[in-house]
Amino acid sequence: MPRRASYRITQCPDGRYTVTVTLAGGGTHSREGLASPAEVEASLSLLRDLMAACGAVLVEEPSLGLAAE
């Protein structure tokens, strides 16, 4: 069975972004201070490659109660 890691992207008050990853075992790691959506995507691309090399699946965590109206 493949391992699983989930990620969440949050925008900080200063306009920068943080990518937080939670591993199946419960460990959490963050990459803070990403300046643009392009930098976030580059970070996620590298993370996807690393997770694939480890046999893990990377999925985005669902939004926390932010439904489209």
Protein backbone atom coordinates (compact mmCIF):
# COMPACT_ATOMS: atom_id res chain seq x y z
CA MET A 1 0.00 0.00 0.00
CA PRO A 2 1.46 3.40 -0.94
CA ARG A 3 2.18 5.90 1.78
CA ARG A 4 0.31 9.18 1.82
CA ALA A 5 1.26 12.77 2.50
CA SER A 6 -1.10 15.71 2.42
CA TYR A 7 -0.36 19.38 1.96
CA ARG A 8 -2.04 22.70 2.61
CA ILE A 9 -1.20 26.11 1.19
CA THR A 10 -1.86 29.15 3.35
CA GLN A 11 -1.35 32.81 2.61
CA CYS A 12 0.31 34.75 5.41
CA PRO A 13 -0.64 38.31 6.44
CA ASP A 14 2.51 39.65 4.72
CA GLY A 15 1.32 38.21 1.37
CA ARG A 16 3.78 35.32 1.32
CA TYR A 17 2.74 31.67 1.24
CA THR A 18 3.43 28.63 3.41
CA VAL A 19 3.19 25.02 2.27
CA THR A 20 2.57 22.64 5.18
CA VAL A 21 2.96 18.89 4.62
CA THR A 22 1.65 16.21 6.95
CA LEU A 23 3.10 12.72 6.55
CA ALA A 24 1.09 9.54 7.15
CA GLY A 25 3.01 8.92 10.39
CA GLY A 26 1.90 12.29 11.75
CA GLY A 27 5.04 14.35 11.16
CA THR A 28 4.49 17.89 9.89
CA HIS A 29 6.93 19.99 7.88
CA SER A 30 6.54 23.52 6.51
CA ARG A 31 8.15 25.62 3.81
CA GLU A 32 7.56 29.25 4.71
CA GLY A 33 8.14 32.56 2.97
CA LEU A 34 7.28 31.59 -0.60
CA ALA A 35 6.85 34.88 -2.45
CA SER A 36 4.48 33.98 -5.31
CA PRO A 37 2.08 31.32 -6.58
CA ALA A 38 4.79 30.31 -9.09
CA GLU A 39 7.21 29.70 -6.22
CA VAL A 40 4.54 27.64 -4.43
CA GLU A 41 4.02 25.52 -7.57
CA ALA A 42 7.77 24.98 -7.99
CA SER A 43 7.99 23.85 -4.37
CA LEU A 44 5.05 21.48 -4.82
CA SER A 45 6.55 20.08 -8.02
CA LEU A 46 9.75 19.18 -6.19
CA LEU A 47 7.73 17.72 -3.32
CA ARG A 48 5.67 15.57 -5.72
CA ASP A 49 8.87 14.22 -7.28
CA LEU A 50 10.36 13.41 -3.87
CA MET A 51 7.18 11.71 -2.68
CA ALA A 52 6.94 9.65 -5.89
CA ALA A 53 10.54 8.51 -5.44
CA CYS A 54 9.58 7.30 -1.94
CA GLY A 55 6.44 5.57 -3.21
CA ALA A 56 4.15 8.08 -1.51
CA VAL A 57 1.06 9.81 -2.83
CA LEU A 58 0.74 13.57 -2.32
CA VAL A 59 -2.77 15.00 -1.97
CA GLU A 60 -4.12 18.45 -1.17
CA GLU A 61 -6.02 18.73 2.11
CA PRO A 62 -9.61 19.90 1.69
CA SER A 63 -10.44 23.51 2.52
CA LEU A 64 -11.39 24.23 6.10
CA GLY A 65 -14.99 25.31 5.71
CA LEU A 66 -14.46 27.73 2.84
CA ALA A 67 -17.36 26.92 0.55
CA ALA A 68 -17.96 28.86 -2.65
CA GLU A 69 -21.07 30.97 -2.44
